[in-house]
Amino acid sequence: MVQTRLFWQSPEENLQWLEGRMEWITGKTDIIILPEMFTTGFSMNALVHAETMDGSAMIWMQKMAAQKNAVIVGSMMMKESGSYFNRLIWMHPDGRYEMYDKRHLFRMAHEQEHYTAGTSRVIFHHKGWNICPLICYDLRFPVWSRNRLVGSEYDYDVLIYVANWPERRAHAWRSLLVARAIENQAYVIGVNRIGKDGNDVMYSGDSAVIDFTGERLSRTERYGDRCETVVISKEELLNFRSSFPAALDADQFTIHP
């Protein structure tokens, strides 16, 4: 998890800064998670600062993923086919990538007036893990993140949220991360930024790795600019699900776009 400050609407400065922060990551790491809109902060100025799918930030992610031999995850404002998206990129070390477009746009900041909402939830597969990536405000909508049984298999094992979640609503952030872990019987990882943005909004970070019982595994402190590596166990997750199969009693429903 890379919990850090971001420079307001300054992609080049942010990429240089993040590259320096990632020098702290040593040893074997499988996935490196950056905050939401890591190139700009939570800006609505997509007309000026949106990237393209072959732009400098994508090239940077490819370079860093190869250098670290790890998947790199984070969202940025992206322009495609005349529309703008708050798009999460899942960059593989070999340069392949997958993506998720933020479903729930934060209307209190008029995000829906500047970006197009995604319509599909996605599951990424990595080294035997099924991973569901979501973005910030998505956290408030449990139906969208709901883990489902497909036969006898769970839809995902890890739920990742990248965020620019303000300090003044930090209690909701911390509480909902725990709730999502417990109700979905999955690991939940929330990576949030720190510092103040160009709209004078303060962020406390509160990044965390939560296990399937709701217990926090990480030690990253509020407001701390740091990287933390946390090891999670597929065996422990499967043992817990086997001993407490609450998903077998879950309500069945269908989500419509």
Protein backbone atom coordinates (compact mmCIF):
# COMPACT_ATOMS: atom_id res chain seq x y z
CA MET A 1 0.00 0.00 0.00
CA VAL A 2 1.33 3.42 -0.98
CA GLN A 3 -0.29 6.03 1.30
CA THR A 4 1.07 9.41 0.26
CA ARG A 5 0.41 13.06 -0.52
CA LEU A 6 -0.46 14.08 -4.09
CA PHE A 7 0.43 17.24 -5.98
CA TRP A 8 -2.64 19.08 -7.23
CA GLN A 9 -3.24 18.62 -10.95
CA SER A 10 0.45 17.94 -11.63
CA PRO A 11 0.86 14.53 -13.31
CA GLU A 12 4.59 14.83 -13.97
CA GLU A 13 5.31 15.85 -10.38
CA ASN A 14 3.15 13.04 -9.00
CA LEU A 15 4.77 10.35 -11.12
CA GLN A 16 8.23 11.50 -10.05
CA TRP A 17 7.15 11.63 -6.40
CA LEU A 18 5.52 8.19 -6.48
CA GLU A 19 8.55 6.67 -8.14
CA GLY A 20 10.60 7.91 -5.20
CA ARG A 21 8.12 6.51 -2.67
CA MET A 22 8.20 3.13 -4.40
CA GLU A 23 11.94 2.89 -3.81
CA TRP A 24 10.91 1.94 -0.26
CA ILE A 25 9.38 -1.27 -1.60
CA THR A 26 11.97 -4.02 -1.38
CA GLY A 27 11.86 -7.79 -1.50
CA LYS A 28 9.11 -9.83 -3.09
CA THR A 29 5.90 -7.88 -3.63
CA ASP A 30 2.99 -9.12 -5.76
CA ILE A 31 0.72 -6.06 -5.93
CA ILE A 32 1.45 -2.34 -5.37
CA ILE A 33 -1.63 -0.19 -4.75
CA LEU A 34 -1.72 3.58 -5.34
CA PRO A 35 -4.54 6.00 -4.40
CA GLU A 36 -7.42 7.16 -6.58
CA MET A 37 -6.49 9.73 -9.26
CA PHE A 38 -2.84 9.36 -8.35
CA THR A 39 -1.67 11.65 -11.16
CA THR A 40 -3.78 14.69 -10.20
CA GLY A 41 -5.67 14.36 -6.95
CA PHE A 42 -9.49 14.33 -7.02
CA SER A 43 -9.92 16.92 -9.75
CA MET A 44 -12.86 17.59 -12.05
CA ASN A 45 -10.59 19.26 -14.62
CA ALA A 46 -10.56 16.28 -16.96
CA LEU A 47 -10.65 18.48 -20.05
CA VAL A 48 -7.09 19.60 -19.30
CA HIS A 49 -5.53 16.74 -17.36
CA ALA A 50 -7.11 13.50 -18.60
CA GLU A 51 -4.69 10.87 -19.88
CA THR A 52 -5.12 8.65 -22.93
CA MET A 53 -4.63 4.91 -22.94
CA ASP A 54 -1.26 5.35 -24.63
CA GLY A 55 -0.23 8.39 -22.58
CA SER A 56 2.69 9.10 -20.25
CA ALA A 57 1.04 7.73 -17.09
CA MET A 58 0.32 4.40 -18.75
CA ILE A 59 3.92 4.23 -19.98
CA TRP A 60 5.09 5.04 -16.44
CA MET A 61 2.93 2.26 -14.97
CA GLN A 62 4.33 -0.22 -17.48
CA LYS A 63 7.87 0.81 -16.58
CA MET A 64 7.32 0.60 -12.83
CA ALA A 65 5.44 -2.72 -13.00
CA ALA A 66 8.32 -4.24 -14.97
CA GLN A 67 10.92 -2.72 -12.66
CA LYS A 68 9.20 -4.00 -9.50
CA ASN A 69 8.01 -7.25 -11.13
CA ALA A 70 4.63 -6.58 -9.55
CA VAL A 71 1.12 -5.58 -10.57
CA ILE A 72 0.56 -1.84 -10.06
CA VAL A 73 -2.97 -0.60 -9.34
CA GLY A 74 -4.39 2.92 -9.21
CA SER A 75 -6.96 5.14 -10.88
CA MET A 76 -6.61 8.28 -12.99
CA MET A 77 -8.76 10.50 -15.16
CA MET A 78 -8.86 8.96 -18.60
CA LYS A 79 -10.20 10.13 -21.96
CA GLU A 80 -11.52 7.60 -24.46
CA SER A 81 -13.89 7.94 -27.43
CA GLY A 82 -14.84 11.48 -26.46
CA SER A 83 -15.79 10.54 -22.87
CA TYR A 84 -13.95 10.90 -19.57
CA PHE A 85 -13.67 8.17 -16.94
CA ASN A 86 -12.28 7.76 -13.43
CA ARG A 87 -10.49 4.60 -14.50
CA LEU A 88 -8.60 2.07 -12.42
CA ILE A 89 -5.70 0.41 -14.23
CA TRP A 90 -4.40 -3.04 -13.27
CA MET A 91 -0.95 -3.10 -14.87
CA HIS A 92 0.88 -6.43 -15.18
CA PRO A 93 4.71 -6.63 -15.14
CA ASP A 94 4.72 -7.73 -18.78
CA GLY A 95 2.87 -4.59 -19.89
CA ARG A 96 -0.58 -6.11 -20.23
CA TYR A 97 -3.34 -4.25 -18.43
CA GLU A 98 -6.96 -4.55 -17.36
CA MET A 99 -9.26 -1.80 -16.15
CA TYR A 100 -12.34 -0.84 -14.15
CA ASP A 101 -14.34 2.39 -14.56
CA LYS A 102 -15.77 3.88 -11.35
CA ARG A 103 -19.44 2.99 -11.08
CA HIS A 104 -20.62 5.42 -8.38
CA LEU A 105 -19.61 9.00 -9.17
CA PHE A 106 -19.45 11.38 -6.21
CA ARG A 107 -22.27 13.81 -6.86
CA MET A 108 -21.39 16.04 -3.88
CA ALA A 109 -18.31 17.05 -5.91
CA HIS A 110 -20.30 16.98 -9.21
CA GLU A 111 -18.19 14.08 -10.47
CA GLN A 112 -21.11 12.83 -12.55
CA GLU A 113 -21.06 16.10 -14.53
CA HIS A 114 -17.50 15.51 -15.70
CA TYR A 115 -17.07 11.72 -15.96
CA THR A 116 -19.02 8.81 -17.37
CA ALA A 117 -19.97 6.07 -14.91
CA GLY A 118 -18.81 2.52 -15.47
CA THR A 119 -21.40 -0.18 -16.00
CA SER A 120 -19.49 -3.38 -15.25
CA ARG A 121 -17.89 -4.86 -12.17
CA VAL A 122 -14.73 -6.79 -12.97
CA ILE A 123 -12.69 -9.52 -11.30
CA PHE A 124 -8.94 -9.73 -11.86
CA HIS A 125 -7.03 -12.99 -11.43
CA HIS A 126 -3.50 -13.08 -10.07
CA LYS A 127 -1.45 -15.97 -8.69
CA GLY A 128 -4.49 -17.99 -7.61
CA TRP A 129 -6.38 -15.03 -6.14
CA ASN A 130 -9.62 -13.49 -7.43
CA ILE A 131 -9.56 -9.73 -6.83
CA CYS A 132 -12.34 -7.16 -7.19
CA PRO A 133 -11.18 -3.54 -7.69
CA LEU A 134 -13.41 -0.61 -6.75
CA ILE A 135 -12.97 3.14 -6.32
CA CYS A 136 -13.68 5.41 -3.33
CA TYR A 137 -17.44 6.28 -3.30
CA ASP A 138 -18.19 2.71 -4.45
CA LEU A 139 -17.50 1.77 -0.82
CA ARG A 140 -20.87 3.20 0.26
CA PHE A 141 -22.84 0.81 -1.96
CA PRO A 142 -22.71 -2.76 -0.61
CA VAL A 143 -24.83 -4.26 -3.39
CA TRP A 144 -22.15 -3.39 -5.97
CA SER A 145 -19.41 -5.04 -3.90
CA ARG A 146 -21.45 -8.06 -2.86
CA ASN A 147 -19.51 -11.32 -2.99
CA ARG A 148 -21.48 -14.13 -4.60
CA LEU A 149 -21.15 -17.86 -4.78
CA VAL A 150 -20.67 -19.27 -8.26
CA GLY A 151 -21.40 -22.92 -7.65
CA SER A 152 -19.30 -23.56 -4.55
CA GLU A 153 -16.74 -20.85 -5.35
CA TYR A 154 -16.76 -17.28 -4.11
CA ASP A 155 -16.73 -14.52 -6.71
CA TYR A 156 -13.59 -12.93 -5.20
CA ASP A 157 -11.08 -13.28 -2.36
CA VAL A 158 -9.86 -9.68 -2.09
CA LEU A 159 -11.72 -6.40 -2.42
CA ILE A 160 -9.53 -3.36 -3.19
CA TYR A 161 -10.62 0.27 -2.80
CA VAL A 162 -8.41 3.10 -4.06
CA ALA A 163 -9.55 6.45 -2.72
CA ASN A 164 -9.39 10.18 -2.15
CA TRP A 165 -11.63 9.97 0.94
CA PRO A 166 -11.68 13.20 3.03
CA GLU A 167 -10.63 13.31 6.66
CA ARG A 168 -14.00 14.70 7.76
CA ARG A 169 -15.66 11.42 6.75
CA ALA A 170 -12.87 9.13 7.95
CA HIS A 171 -15.12 7.34 10.46
CA ALA A 172 -17.35 6.18 7.61
CA TRP A 173 -14.30 5.02 5.61
CA ARG A 174 -12.89 2.98 8.48
CA SER A 175 -16.25 1.51 9.43
CA LEU A 176 -17.32 0.54 5.93
CA LEU A 177 -14.01 -1.16 5.11
CA VAL A 178 -14.59 -3.44 8.10
CA ALA A 179 -18.24 -4.01 7.15
CA ARG A 180 -17.34 -4.96 3.57
CA ALA A 181 -14.76 -7.49 4.84
CA ILE A 182 -17.14 -9.15 7.29
CA GLU A 183 -20.20 -9.32 5.04
CA ASN A 184 -18.25 -10.58 2.01
CA GLN A 185 -15.93 -12.98 3.87
CA ALA A 186 -12.95 -11.52 2.03
CA TYR A 187 -9.83 -9.48 2.61
CA VAL A 188 -10.45 -5.77 2.08
CA ILE A 189 -7.65 -3.34 1.20
CA GLY A 190 -8.31 0.40 1.26
CA VAL A 191 -5.59 2.77 0.04
CA ASN A 192 -6.27 6.47 0.59
CA ARG A 193 -4.17 9.60 0.12
CA ILE A 194 -2.99 12.11 2.74
CA GLY A 195 -2.47 15.88 2.71
CA LYS A 196 -4.55 18.78 1.41
CA ASP A 197 -5.74 19.15 -2.18
CA GLY A 198 -6.34 22.21 -4.34
CA ASN A 199 -9.90 22.52 -3.06
CA ASP A 200 -8.60 22.81 0.52
CA VAL A 201 -9.89 19.32 1.37
CA MET A 202 -7.82 17.44 3.95
CA TYR A 203 -7.13 13.69 3.78
CA SER A 204 -5.97 11.55 6.69
CA GLY A 205 -5.14 8.35 4.82
CA ASP A 206 -6.45 5.67 7.17
CA SER A 207 -5.28 3.06 4.65
CA ALA A 208 -5.78 -0.47 5.90
CA VAL A 209 -5.77 -4.18 5.19
CA ILE A 210 -8.73 -5.88 6.89
CA ASP A 211 -9.11 -9.64 7.13
CA PHE A 212 -12.29 -11.66 6.62
CA THR A 213 -13.25 -11.39 10.32
CA GLY A 214 -12.96 -7.59 10.32
CA GLU A 215 -9.58 -7.48 12.06
CA ARG A 216 -7.00 -4.98 10.86
CA LEU A 217 -3.71 -6.52 9.69
CA SER A 218 -1.87 -3.35 8.67
CA ARG A 219 -0.05 -0.77 10.79
CA THR A 220 0.00 2.32 8.58
CA GLU A 221 -0.71 5.38 10.74
CA ARG A 222 -3.08 8.22 9.92
CA TYR A 223 -1.39 11.07 8.01
CA GLY A 224 1.75 8.94 7.53
CA ASP A 225 3.57 9.12 4.19
CA ARG A 226 4.73 5.54 3.84
CA CYS A 227 4.58 2.24 2.01
CA GLU A 228 3.54 -0.87 3.90
CA THR A 229 3.71 -4.47 2.76
CA VAL A 230 1.16 -6.88 4.23
CA VAL A 231 1.07 -10.64 3.62
CA ILE A 232 -2.34 -12.30 3.34
CA SER A 233 -3.14 -16.01 3.43
CA LYS A 234 -5.42 -17.83 1.00
CA GLU A 235 -5.33 -20.93 3.22
CA GLU A 236 -6.60 -19.01 6.25
CA LEU A 237 -9.35 -17.43 4.16
CA LEU A 238 -10.54 -20.78 2.79
CA ASN A 239 -10.46 -22.39 6.23
CA PHE A 240 -12.60 -19.61 7.65
CA ARG A 241 -15.13 -19.80 4.83
CA SER A 242 -15.35 -23.58 5.27
CA SER A 243 -15.95 -23.31 9.01
CA PHE A 244 -18.41 -20.41 8.74
CA PRO A 245 -20.20 -20.69 5.34
CA ALA A 246 -22.55 -17.73 5.74
CA ALA A 247 -22.62 -17.18 1.97
CA LEU A 248 -24.79 -20.29 1.62
CA ASP A 249 -27.61 -18.34 3.28
CA ALA A 250 -27.17 -15.13 1.29
CA ASP A 251 -30.08 -13.52 -0.55
CA GLN A 252 -30.02 -13.92 -4.31
CA PHE A 253 -30.53 -10.91 -6.55
CA THR A 254 -29.52 -9.41 -9.91
CA ILE A 255 -27.85 -6.04 -10.47
CA HIS A 256 -29.04 -4.03 -13.46
CA PRO A 257 -26.90 -1.26 -15.03
